[in-house]
C-alpha atoms as a PDB file:
ATOM      1  CA  MET A   1     -35.795  -8.266  -4.731  1.00  0.00           C
ATOM      2  CA  PRO A   2     -32.265  -8.714  -6.142  1.00  0.00           C
ATOM      3  CA  ILE A   3     -29.497  -6.588  -4.659  1.00  0.00           C
ATOM      4  CA  GLU A   4     -28.189  -3.973  -7.064  1.00  0.00           C
ATOM      5  CA  ARG A   5     -24.554  -4.208  -8.101  1.00  0.00           C
ATOM      6  CA  ALA A   6     -24.007  -0.533  -7.212  1.00  0.00           C
ATOM      7  CA  ASP A   7     -25.137  -1.253  -3.659  1.00  0.00           C
ATOM      8  CA  LEU A   8     -22.728  -4.189  -3.431  1.00  0.00           C
ATOM      9  CA  GLN A   9     -19.890  -1.969  -4.645  1.00  0.00           C
ATOM     10  CA  ALA A  10     -20.769   0.606  -1.972  1.00  0.00           C
ATOM     11  CA  PHE A  11     -20.703  -2.134   0.680  1.00  0.00           C
ATOM     12  CA  GLN A  12     -17.376  -3.506  -0.592  1.00  0.00           C
ATOM     13  CA  LEU A  13     -15.652  -0.119  -0.602  1.00  0.00           C
ATOM     14  CA  THR A  14     -16.979   0.708   2.856  1.00  0.00           C
ATOM     15  CA  VAL A  15     -15.309  -2.435   4.205  1.00  0.00           C
ATOM     16  CA  GLU A  16     -12.050  -1.731   2.369  1.00  0.00           C
ATOM     17  CA  LEU A  17     -11.799   1.993   3.139  1.00  0.00           C
ATOM     18  CA  GLY A  18     -13.223   1.945   6.658  1.00  0.00           C
ATOM     19  CA  ASN A  19     -16.071   4.443   6.505  1.00  0.00           C
ATOM     20  CA  PHE A  20     -18.846   5.841   4.342  1.00  0.00           C
ATOM     21  CA  THR A  21     -17.010   9.095   3.572  1.00  0.00           C
ATOM     22  CA  ARG A  22     -13.989   7.443   1.955  1.00  0.00           C
ATOM     23  CA  ALA A  23     -16.178   4.999   0.070  1.00  0.00           C
ATOM     24  CA  ALA A  24     -18.239   7.930  -1.208  1.00  0.00           C
ATOM     25  CA  GLN A  25     -15.086   9.733  -2.395  1.00  0.00           C
ATOM     26  CA  ALA A  26     -13.987   6.648  -4.326  1.00  0.00           C
ATOM     27  CA  LEU A  27     -17.427   6.306  -5.938  1.00  0.00           C
ATOM     28  CA  GLY A  28     -17.980   9.999  -6.570  1.00  0.00           C
ATOM     29  CA  VAL A  29     -21.223  10.132  -4.537  1.00  0.00           C
ATOM     30  CA  THR A  30     -22.279  11.457  -1.128  1.00  0.00           C
ATOM     31  CA  PRO A  31     -21.688   9.589   2.156  1.00  0.00           C
ATOM     32  CA  GLN A  32     -25.468   9.553   2.630  1.00  0.00           C
ATOM     33  CA  ALA A  33     -25.867   7.697  -0.683  1.00  0.00           C
ATOM     34  CA  VAL A  34     -23.358   5.057   0.435  1.00  0.00           C
ATOM     35  CA  SER A  35     -25.080   4.710   3.810  1.00  0.00           C
ATOM     36  CA  ARG A  36     -28.450   4.188   2.102  1.00  0.00           C
ATOM     37  CA  ALA A  37     -26.934   1.618  -0.285  1.00  0.00           C
ATOM     38  CA  VAL A  38     -25.504  -0.391   2.613  1.00  0.00           C
ATOM     39  CA  ALA A  39     -28.822  -0.151   4.451  1.00  0.00           C
ATOM     40  CA  ARG A  40     -30.602  -1.610   1.391  1.00  0.00           C
ATOM     41  CA  VAL A  41     -28.206  -4.567   1.332  1.00  0.00           C
ATOM     42  CA  GLU A  42     -28.733  -5.175   5.058  1.00  0.00           C
ATOM     43  CA  ALA A  43     -32.506  -4.930   4.656  1.00  0.00           C
ATOM     44  CA  GLU A  44     -32.505  -7.441   1.813  1.00  0.00           C
ATOM     45  CA  LEU A  45     -30.273  -9.873   3.720  1.00  0.00           C
ATOM     46  CA  GLN A  46     -32.026  -9.164   7.034  1.00  0.00           C
ATOM     47  CA  VAL A  47     -28.711  -9.159   8.892  1.00  0.00           C
ATOM     48  CA  PRO A  48     -26.496  -6.298  10.142  1.00  0.00           C
ATOM     49  CA  LEU A  49     -23.245  -6.052   8.162  1.00  0.00           C
ATOM     50  CA  PHE A  50     -21.584  -3.270  10.189  1.00  0.00           C
ATOM     51  CA  ARG A  51     -21.229  -2.024  13.729  1.00  0.00           C
ATOM     52  CA  ARG A  52     -21.518   1.764  13.584  1.00  0.00           C
ATOM     53  CA  ASN A  53     -20.370   4.638  15.765  1.00  0.00           C
ATOM     54  CA  THR A  54     -19.958   8.347  15.071  1.00  0.00           C
ATOM     55  CA  ARG A  55     -16.598   7.964  13.288  1.00  0.00           C
ATOM     56  CA  HIS A  56     -16.100   4.393  12.135  1.00  0.00           C
ATOM     57  CA  VAL A  57     -17.927   1.388  10.774  1.00  0.00           C
ATOM     58  CA  THR A  58     -16.620  -2.096  11.520  1.00  0.00           C
ATOM     59  CA  PRO A  59     -17.878  -5.184   9.683  1.00  0.00           C
ATOM     60  CA  THR A  60     -19.674  -7.794  11.731  1.00  0.00           C
ATOM     61  CA  GLU A  61     -18.816 -11.461  11.346  1.00  0.00           C
ATOM     62  CA  ALA A  62     -21.639 -11.711   8.796  1.00  0.00           C
ATOM     63  CA  GLY A  63     -20.268  -8.622   7.091  1.00  0.00           C
ATOM     64  CA  ARG A  64     -16.802 -10.162   6.768  1.00  0.00           C
ATOM     65  CA  VAL A  65     -18.219 -13.373   5.300  1.00  0.00           C
ATOM     66  CA  TYR A  66     -20.404 -11.457   2.870  1.00  0.00           C
ATOM     67  CA  TYR A  67     -17.518  -9.147   1.910  1.00  0.00           C
ATOM     68  CA  ALA A  68     -15.348 -12.105   0.904  1.00  0.00           C
ATOM     69  CA  ALA A  69     -18.111 -13.413  -1.347  1.00  0.00           C
ATOM     70  CA  CYS A  70     -18.804  -9.948  -2.804  1.00  0.00           C
ATOM     71  CA  ALA A  71     -15.130  -9.249  -3.503  1.00  0.00           C
ATOM     72  CA  THR A  72     -14.806 -12.548  -5.362  1.00  0.00           C
ATOM     73  CA  ALA A  73     -18.028 -12.081  -7.339  1.00  0.00           C
ATOM     74  CA  LEU A  74     -17.472  -8.434  -8.211  1.00  0.00           C
ATOM     75  CA  GLY A  75     -13.844  -9.135  -9.067  1.00  0.00           C
ATOM     76  CA  ALA A  76     -14.908 -11.896 -11.452  1.00  0.00           C
ATOM     77  CA  LEU A  77     -17.492  -9.612 -13.054  1.00  0.00           C
ATOM     78  CA  ALA A  78     -14.958  -6.795 -13.391  1.00  0.00           C
ATOM     79  CA  ALA A  79     -12.419  -9.151 -14.968  1.00  0.00           C
ATOM     80  CA  ALA A  80     -14.989 -10.453 -17.452  1.00  0.00           C
ATOM     81  CA  GLU A  81     -16.113  -6.947 -18.344  1.00  0.00           C
ATOM     82  CA  GLU A  82     -12.526  -5.787 -18.702  1.00  0.00           C
ATOM     83  CA  THR A  83     -11.869  -8.649 -21.118  1.00  0.00           C
ATOM     84  CA  LEU A  84     -14.909  -7.732 -23.204  1.00  0.00           C
ATOM     85  CA  ARG A  85     -14.071  -4.025 -23.178  1.00  0.00           C
ATOM     86  CA  ALA A  86     -10.509  -4.799 -24.161  1.00  0.00           C
ATOM     87  CA  ARG A  87     -11.783  -6.583 -27.250  1.00  0.00           C
ATOM     88  CA  GLN A  88     -14.003  -3.669 -28.237  1.00  0.00           C
ATOM     89  CA  ASP A  89     -12.346  -0.504 -26.966  1.00  0.00           C
ATOM     90  CA  ALA A  90      -8.878  -1.098 -25.541  1.00  0.00           C
ATOM     91  CA  PRO A  91      -7.537   1.882 -23.518  1.00  0.00           C
ATOM     92  CA  THR A  92      -4.730   3.848 -25.104  1.00  0.00           C
ATOM     93  CA  GLY A  93      -2.511   6.730 -24.111  1.00  0.00           C
ATOM     94  CA  VAL A  94       0.154   7.654 -21.571  1.00  0.00           C
ATOM     95  CA  VAL A  95      -0.186   7.189 -17.801  1.00  0.00           C
ATOM     96  CA  ARG A  96       2.389   8.916 -15.575  1.00  0.00           C
ATOM     97  CA  VAL A  97       2.966   7.210 -12.228  1.00  0.00           C
ATOM     98  CA  SER A  98       5.149   8.146  -9.240  1.00  0.00           C
ATOM     99  CA  VAL A  99       6.268   5.275  -6.991  1.00  0.00           C
ATOM    100  CA  PRO A 100       8.715   5.155  -4.059  1.00  0.00           C
ATOM    101  CA  THR A 101      11.929   3.235  -4.528  1.00  0.00           C
ATOM    102  CA  THR A 102      10.974   0.444  -2.109  1.00  0.00           C
ATOM    103  CA  TYR A 103       7.636  -0.430  -3.675  1.00  0.00           C
ATOM    104  CA  GLY A 104       8.788   0.515  -7.174  1.00  0.00           C
ATOM    105  CA  HIS A 105      11.755  -1.829  -7.508  1.00  0.00           C
ATOM    106  CA  HIS A 106      10.318  -4.810  -5.661  1.00  0.00           C
ATOM    107  CA  ARG A 107       6.604  -4.737  -6.526  1.00  0.00           C
ATOM    108  CA  PHE A 108       5.527  -2.180  -9.098  1.00  0.00           C
ATOM    109  CA  MET A 109       8.055  -2.852 -11.845  1.00  0.00           C
ATOM    110  CA  PRO A 110       7.892  -6.689 -11.718  1.00  0.00           C
ATOM    111  CA  LEU A 111       4.080  -6.609 -12.006  1.00  0.00           C
ATOM    112  CA  LEU A 112       4.018  -3.829 -14.584  1.00  0.00           C
ATOM    113  CA  ALA A 113       5.041  -6.330 -17.257  1.00  0.00           C
ATOM    114  CA  GLU A 114       1.754  -8.163 -16.770  1.00  0.00           C
ATOM    115  CA  PHE A 115      -0.233  -4.939 -17.112  1.00  0.00           C
ATOM    116  CA  CYS A 116       1.597  -4.070 -20.331  1.00  0.00           C
ATOM    117  CA  ARG A 117       0.762  -7.464 -21.821  1.00  0.00           C
ATOM    118  CA  GLN A 118      -2.922  -6.940 -20.979  1.00  0.00           C
ATOM    119  CA  HIS A 119      -2.993  -3.343 -22.265  1.00  0.00           C
ATOM    120  CA  PRO A 120      -0.551  -2.994 -25.164  1.00  0.00           C
ATOM    121  CA  GLY A 121      -2.037   0.375 -26.108  1.00  0.00           C
ATOM    122  CA  VAL A 122      -1.151   2.002 -22.777  1.00  0.00           C
ATOM    123  CA  GLU A 123       2.256   3.625 -22.340  1.00  0.00           C
ATOM    124  CA  VAL A 124       3.305   3.839 -18.672  1.00  0.00           C
ATOM    125  CA  GLU A 125       5.846   6.466 -17.629  1.00  0.00           C
ATOM    126  CA  VAL A 126       7.213   5.632 -14.176  1.00  0.00           C
ATOM    127  CA  ASP A 127       9.113   7.966 -11.837  1.00  0.00           C
ATOM    128  CA  ILE A 128      10.822   5.816  -9.194  1.00  0.00           C
ATOM    129  CA  SER A 129      11.832   8.163  -6.398  1.00  0.00           C
ATOM    130  CA  ASN A 130      10.861   9.266  -2.917  1.00  0.00           C
ATOM    131  CA  HIS A 131       9.883  12.719  -4.168  1.00  0.00           C
ATOM    132  CA  ASN A 132       6.304  13.725  -3.312  1.00  0.00           C
ATOM    133  CA  VAL A 133       4.939  14.854  -6.643  1.00  0.00           C
ATOM    134  CA  ASP A 134       2.556  17.697  -7.402  1.00  0.00           C
ATOM    135  CA  PHE A 135      -0.099  16.051  -9.577  1.00  0.00           C
ATOM    136  CA  VAL A 136      -1.107  19.260 -11.356  1.00  0.00           C
ATOM    137  CA  ARG A 137       2.220  21.031 -11.722  1.00  0.00           C
ATOM    138  CA  GLU A 138       4.214  17.907 -12.660  1.00  0.00           C
ATOM    139  CA  GLY A 139       1.517  16.205 -14.711  1.00  0.00           C
ATOM    140  CA  PHE A 140       1.234  12.887 -12.871  1.00  0.00           C
ATOM    141  CA  ASP A 141      -1.902  10.749 -13.021  1.00  0.00           C
ATOM    142  CA  LEU A 142      -1.268   8.311 -10.155  1.00  0.00           C
ATOM    143  CA  ALA A 143       1.129   7.864  -7.249  1.00  0.00           C
ATOM    144  CA  ILE A 144       1.895   5.174  -4.708  1.00  0.00           C
ATOM    145  CA  ARG A 145       2.700   6.461  -1.254  1.00  0.00           C
ATOM    146  CA  MET A 146       3.619   5.036   2.150  1.00  0.00           C
ATOM    147  CA  GLY A 147       2.057   5.912   5.474  1.00  0.00           C
ATOM    148  CA  GLU A 148      -1.103   7.607   6.639  1.00  0.00           C
ATOM    149  CA  LEU A 149      -2.451  10.088   4.092  1.00  0.00           C
ATOM    150  CA  GLY A 150      -4.234  13.155   5.371  1.00  0.00           C
ATOM    151  CA  ASP A 151      -4.992  14.936   2.091  1.00  0.00           C
ATOM    152  CA  ALA A 152      -8.708  14.504   1.411  1.00  0.00           C
ATOM    153  CA  SER A 153      -8.400  16.078  -2.049  1.00  0.00           C
ATOM    154  CA  PHE A 154      -7.148  12.747  -3.423  1.00  0.00           C
ATOM    155  CA  ILE A 155      -8.743   9.332  -3.626  1.00  0.00           C
ATOM    156  CA  ALA A 156      -6.646   6.741  -1.783  1.00  0.00           C
ATOM    157  CA  ARG A 157      -6.959   2.994  -2.432  1.00  0.00           C
ATOM    158  CA  PRO A 158      -5.162   0.693   0.045  1.00  0.00           C
ATOM    159  CA  LEU A 159      -2.529  -1.646  -1.385  1.00  0.00           C
ATOM    160  CA  GLY A 160      -1.641  -3.445   1.841  1.00  0.00           C
ATOM    161  CA  ASP A 161       0.210  -3.158   5.135  1.00  0.00           C
ATOM    162  CA  PHE A 162       3.815  -4.369   5.137  1.00  0.00           C
ATOM    163  CA  THR A 163       5.790  -5.554   8.162  1.00  0.00           C
ATOM    164  CA  LEU A 164       9.083  -4.092   9.330  1.00  0.00           C
ATOM    165  CA  GLY A 165      12.131  -5.783  10.806  1.00  0.00           C
ATOM    166  CA  VAL A 166      15.648  -4.890  11.991  1.00  0.00           C
ATOM    167  CA  PHE A 167      18.516  -6.399  10.025  1.00  0.00           C
ATOM    168  CA  ALA A 168      22.321  -6.625  10.012  1.00  0.00           C
ATOM    169  CA  SER A 169      25.014  -8.669   8.321  1.00  0.00           C
ATOM    170  CA  PRO A 170      26.621 -11.689  10.003  1.00  0.00           C
ATOM    171  CA  ALA A 171      29.962  -9.824   9.906  1.00  0.00           C
ATOM    172  CA  TYR A 172      28.565  -6.884  11.839  1.00  0.00           C
ATOM    173  CA  LEU A 173      26.912  -9.143  14.412  1.00  0.00           C
ATOM    174  CA  ASN A 174      30.187 -11.049  14.884  1.00  0.00           C
ATOM    175  CA  GLU A 175      31.881  -7.706  15.519  1.00  0.00           C
ATOM    176  CA  ARG A 176      29.315  -6.018  17.788  1.00  0.00           C
ATOM    177  CA  GLY A 177      26.916  -8.723  18.914  1.00  0.00           C
ATOM    178  CA  ALA A 178      23.165  -8.811  18.361  1.00  0.00           C
ATOM    179  CA  PRO A 179      20.883  -6.457  20.300  1.00  0.00           C
ATOM    180  CA  GLN A 180      18.503  -8.299  22.622  1.00  0.00           C
ATOM    181  CA  THR A 181      16.175  -5.417  23.545  1.00  0.00           C
ATOM    182  CA  PRO A 182      15.434  -1.970  22.064  1.00  0.00           C
ATOM    183  CA  ASP A 183      17.587  -0.391  24.806  1.00  0.00           C
ATOM    184  CA  ASP A 184      20.617  -2.140  23.282  1.00  0.00           C
ATOM    185  CA  LEU A 185      20.223  -0.172  20.029  1.00  0.00           C
ATOM    186  CA  HIS A 186      21.980   2.835  21.533  1.00  0.00           C
ATOM    187  CA  GLN A 187      25.188   0.753  21.623  1.00  0.00           C
ATOM    188  CA  HIS A 188      25.083   0.034  17.867  1.00  0.00           C
ATOM    189  CA  ARG A 189      25.763   1.764  14.566  1.00  0.00           C
ATOM    190  CA  ILE A 190      22.422   2.766  13.098  1.00  0.00           C
ATOM    191  CA  ALA A 191      21.423   3.905   9.598  1.00  0.00           C
ATOM    192  CA  VAL A 192      18.142   5.761   9.116  1.00  0.00           C
ATOM    193  CA  PHE A 193      16.097   7.125   6.218  1.00  0.00           C
ATOM    194  CA  ILE A 194      15.381  10.852   5.872  1.00  0.00           C
ATOM    195  CA  LEU A 195      11.740  11.604   5.097  1.00  0.00           C
ATOM    196  CA  PRO A 196      11.543  13.734   1.930  1.00  0.00           C
ATOM    197  CA  ARG A 197       8.525  15.733   3.144  1.00  0.00           C
ATOM    198  CA  THR A 198      10.040  16.854   6.452  1.00  0.00           C
ATOM    199  CA  GLY A 199      13.792  16.355   6.163  1.00  0.00           C
ATOM    200  CA  ARG A 200      13.655  14.464   9.462  1.00  0.00           C
ATOM    201  CA  ALA A 201      14.877  10.968  10.239  1.00  0.00           C
ATOM    202  CA  MET A 202      12.171   8.305  10.076  1.00  0.00           C
ATOM    203  CA  PRO A 203      11.773   6.861  13.580  1.00  0.00           C
ATOM    204  CA  TRP A 204      12.089   3.147  14.026  1.00  0.00           C
ATOM    205  CA  ALA A 205       8.798   1.397  14.803  1.00  0.00           C
ATOM    206  CA  LEU A 206       8.826  -1.620  17.104  1.00  0.00           C
ATOM    207  CA  SER A 207       6.048  -3.797  18.503  1.00  0.00           C
ATOM    208  CA  PRO A 208       4.211  -4.184  20.779  1.00  0.00           C
ATOM    209  CA  GLY A 209       3.189  -0.621  20.545  1.00  0.00           C
ATOM    210  CA  PRO A 210       3.340   1.255  18.368  1.00  0.00           C
ATOM    211  CA  THR A 211       6.688   2.173  19.906  1.00  0.00           C
ATOM    212  CA  LEU A 212       8.600   4.818  17.929  1.00  0.00           C
ATOM    213  CA  LEU A 213      12.322   5.228  18.589  1.00  0.00           C
ATOM    214  CA  HIS A 214      14.287   8.315  17.542  1.00  0.00           C
ATOM    215  CA  LEU A 215      17.791   6.885  17.431  1.00  0.00           C
ATOM    216  CA  PRO A 216      21.151   8.620  17.006  1.00  0.00           C
ATOM    217  CA  ALA A 217      22.338   7.568  13.556  1.00  0.00           C
ATOM    218  CA  ALA A 218      25.806   7.044  12.130  1.00  0.00           C
ATOM    219  CA  VAL A 219      24.398   7.190   8.567  1.00  0.00           C
ATOM    220  CA  ARG A 220      21.431   9.159   7.236  1.00  0.00           C
ATOM    221  CA  VAL A 221      20.186   8.123   3.777  1.00  0.00           C
ATOM    222  CA  ARG A 222      18.101  10.756   2.003  1.00  0.00           C
ATOM    223  CA  SER A 223      17.175   9.617  -1.486  1.00  0.00           C
ATOM    224  CA  ASP A 224      16.837   5.832  -1.573  1.00  0.00           C
ATOM    225  CA  VAL A 225      15.749   3.397   1.131  1.00  0.00           C
ATOM    226  CA  LEU A 226      17.544   0.636  -0.787  1.00  0.00           C
ATOM    227  CA  GLY A 227      20.815   2.322   0.187  1.00  0.00           C
ATOM    228  CA  LEU A 228      20.153   1.244   3.769  1.00  0.00           C
ATOM    229  CA  ILE A 229      20.162  -2.386   2.679  1.00  0.00           C
ATOM    230  CA  GLY A 230      23.495  -1.978   0.886  1.00  0.00           C
ATOM    231  CA  PHE A 231      24.969  -0.406   4.024  1.00  0.00           C
ATOM    232  CA  ALA A 232      23.775  -3.267   6.219  1.00  0.00           C
ATOM    233  CA  ARG A 233      24.839  -5.957   3.737  1.00  0.00           C
ATOM    234  CA  ALA A 234      28.391  -4.530   3.752  1.00  0.00           C
ATOM    235  CA  GLY A 235      28.603  -4.831   7.554  1.00  0.00           C
ATOM    236  CA  GLY A 236      27.938  -1.169   8.263  1.00  0.00           C
ATOM    237  CA  GLY A 237      25.390  -1.584  11.024  1.00  0.00           C
ATOM    238  CA  LEU A 238      21.707  -2.058  11.811  1.00  0.00           C
ATOM    239  CA  VAL A 239      18.837  -0.924   9.593  1.00  0.00           C
ATOM    240  CA  GLN A 240      15.081  -1.171   9.801  1.00  0.00           C
ATOM    241  CA  THR A 241      13.198  -1.900   6.600  1.00  0.00           C
ATOM    242  CA  TYR A 242      10.385  -4.000   5.150  1.00  0.00           C
ATOM    243  CA  HIS A 243      10.645  -7.765   5.178  1.00  0.00           C
ATOM    244  CA  PHE A 244       9.643  -7.951   1.504  1.00  0.00           C
ATOM    245  CA  LEU A 245      12.693  -5.867   0.544  1.00  0.00           C
ATOM    246  CA  VAL A 246      15.257  -8.239   2.049  1.00  0.00           C
ATOM    247  CA  GLU A 247      13.777 -11.652   1.246  1.00  0.00           C
ATOM    248  CA  GLY A 248      16.673 -12.424  -1.095  1.00  0.00           C
ATOM    249  CA  GLU A 249      19.373 -11.233   1.325  1.00  0.00           C
ATOM    250  CA  LEU A 250      17.867 -13.298   4.147  1.00  0.00           C
ATOM    251  CA  ALA A 251      17.637 -16.412   1.955  1.00  0.00           C
ATOM    252  CA  ARG A 252      21.286 -16.022   0.902  1.00  0.00           C
ATOM    253  CA  GLY A 253      22.487 -15.385   4.455  1.00  0.00           C
ATOM    254  CA  GLU A 254      23.710 -11.883   3.614  1.00  0.00           C
ATOM    255  CA  LEU A 255      21.474 -10.381   6.302  1.00  0.00           C
ATOM    256  CA  VAL A 256      20.118 -11.665   9.600  1.00  0.00           C
ATOM    257  CA  GLU A 257      17.009 -10.408  11.373  1.00  0.00           C
ATOM    258  CA  VAL A 258      17.504  -9.283  14.966  1.00  0.00           C
ATOM    259  CA  LEU A 259      15.034  -8.168  17.664  1.00  0.00           C
ATOM    260  CA  LYS A 260      12.433 -10.575  16.262  1.00  0.00           C
ATOM    261  CA  PRO A 261      10.242 -10.372  19.407  1.00  0.00           C
ATOM    262  CA  TYR A 262       9.808  -6.663  18.639  1.00  0.00           C
ATOM    263  CA  ALA A 263       9.083  -7.037  14.908  1.00  0.00           C
ATOM    264  CA  GLY A 264       5.698  -6.991  13.239  1.00  0.00           C
ATOM    265  CA  HIS A 265       4.919  -3.270  13.145  1.00  0.00           C
ATOM    266  CA  THR A 266       3.431  -2.378   9.759  1.00  0.00           C
ATOM    267  CA  ARG A 267       3.195   0.634   7.475  1.00  0.00           C
ATOM    268  CA  PRO A 268       0.534   0.975   4.777  1.00  0.00           C
ATOM    269  CA  PHE A 269       0.972   1.690   1.080  1.00  0.00           C
ATOM    270  CA  SER A 270      -1.793   3.365  -0.939  1.00  0.00           C
ATOM    271  CA  LEU A 271      -2.508   4.202  -4.559  1.00  0.00           C
ATOM    272  CA  ILE A 272      -3.597   7.853  -4.728  1.00  0.00           C
ATOM    273  CA  TYR A 273      -4.956   9.968  -7.571  1.00  0.00           C
ATOM    274  CA  PRO A 274      -7.037  13.083  -8.178  1.00  0.00           C
ATOM    275  CA  ARG A 275     -10.711  12.422  -8.870  1.00  0.00           C
ATOM    276  CA  GLU A 276     -10.447  13.526 -12.483  1.00  0.00           C
ATOM    277  CA  ALA A 277      -7.772  10.898 -13.271  1.00  0.00           C
ATOM    278  CA  LEU A 278     -10.366   8.151 -13.756  1.00  0.00           C
ATOM    279  CA  ALA A 279     -11.924  10.066 -16.635  1.00  0.00           C
ATOM    280  CA  ARG A 280      -9.037   8.708 -18.742  1.00  0.00           C
ATOM    281  CA  PRO A 281      -9.496   5.015 -19.662  1.00  0.00           C
ATOM    282  CA  ALA A 282      -5.752   4.335 -19.549  1.00  0.00           C
ATOM    283  CA  ALA A 283      -5.440   5.613 -15.970  1.00  0.00           C
ATOM    284  CA  ARG A 284      -8.592   3.769 -14.907  1.00  0.00           C
ATOM    285  CA  ALA A 285      -7.201   0.530 -16.372  1.00  0.00           C
ATOM    286  CA  LEU A 286      -4.028   0.858 -14.305  1.00  0.00           C
ATOM    287  CA  VAL A 287      -5.975   1.691 -11.131  1.00  0.00           C
ATOM    288  CA  ASP A 288      -8.272  -1.319 -11.599  1.00  0.00           C
ATOM    289  CA  PHE A 289      -5.329  -3.611 -12.308  1.00  0.00           C
ATOM    290  CA  TRP A 290      -3.329  -2.503  -9.264  1.00  0.00           C
ATOM    291  CA  VAL A 291      -6.183  -2.605  -6.787  1.00  0.00           C
ATOM    292  CA  ALA A 292      -7.141  -6.088  -8.017  1.00  0.00           C
ATOM    293  CA  ARG A 293      -3.565  -7.329  -7.589  1.00  0.00           C
ATOM    294  CA  ALA A 294      -3.423  -5.865  -4.078  1.00  0.00           C
ATOM    295  CA  ARG A 295      -6.623  -7.711  -3.111  1.00  0.00           C
ATOM    296  CA  ARG A 296      -5.112 -10.943  -4.373  1.00  0.00           C
ATOM    297  CA  GLY A 297      -2.018 -10.374  -2.228  1.00  0.00           C
ATOM    298  CA  ALA A 298       0.275 -10.528  -5.248  1.00  0.00           C
ATOM    299  CA  LYS A 299       3.960 -10.824  -4.544  1.00  0.00           C
ATOM    300  CA  GLY A 300       6.380  -8.728  -6.509  1.00  0.00           C
END
């Protein structure tokens, strides 16, 4: 008996989102329905695809192999269907998106050009800031956010985990020397980012760990993480930020990574939206595009 596409989609989302409940939220069904769908796939294949406990499901080796094949096949089907739909009923209208400055400048905006070419009838209004928007009151359809998200009223689709490093300019390192261990950081000028939700300084995250350091800071940047990079590039001191944000500065020798043995800690980014957002074809088109690009590991 052939496996139904809906069951494959339930399996795929369970792998990507980590449990039946989140997969059910993304599909708009019950966790029990997702569990039954996965069980049907396992019964047809006659192989267990997940290890289960009371809180989590983890794919088996067979599950990981099958997921890779499913993601490729379902992605190809979705792309073909999107092409056909675009010819017959192209989405139109305005989509309002909130993105943080880090992801917005370096990933969202460069890739948005491709989306606009594919969907000329969709107008995208982008708010690039670290303000946490109120979807209802401010009229946003989608948002991209960093970190762990605890609000179950929204659907969250993972966009990837991004590694952090500690950086400084050659001039600063000539002046003060490079730290060799985390304990040395207390002897350096530090710049930190202020979290908009709490007003508190974001702790530095070092590996192995997670090890979170609350450091005394000479500079506290509130509105734009990119300001930290400008401070470090000018010789101001040490900053911690994402590797993808400073690729150009590292290539040009404007910044140097320090404490490399303690790098590698990651923070996740997610695309979030209220359940009703997907009722609008324009918003659904942007969600589908962005999740597909994230799966492909697109660089911005």
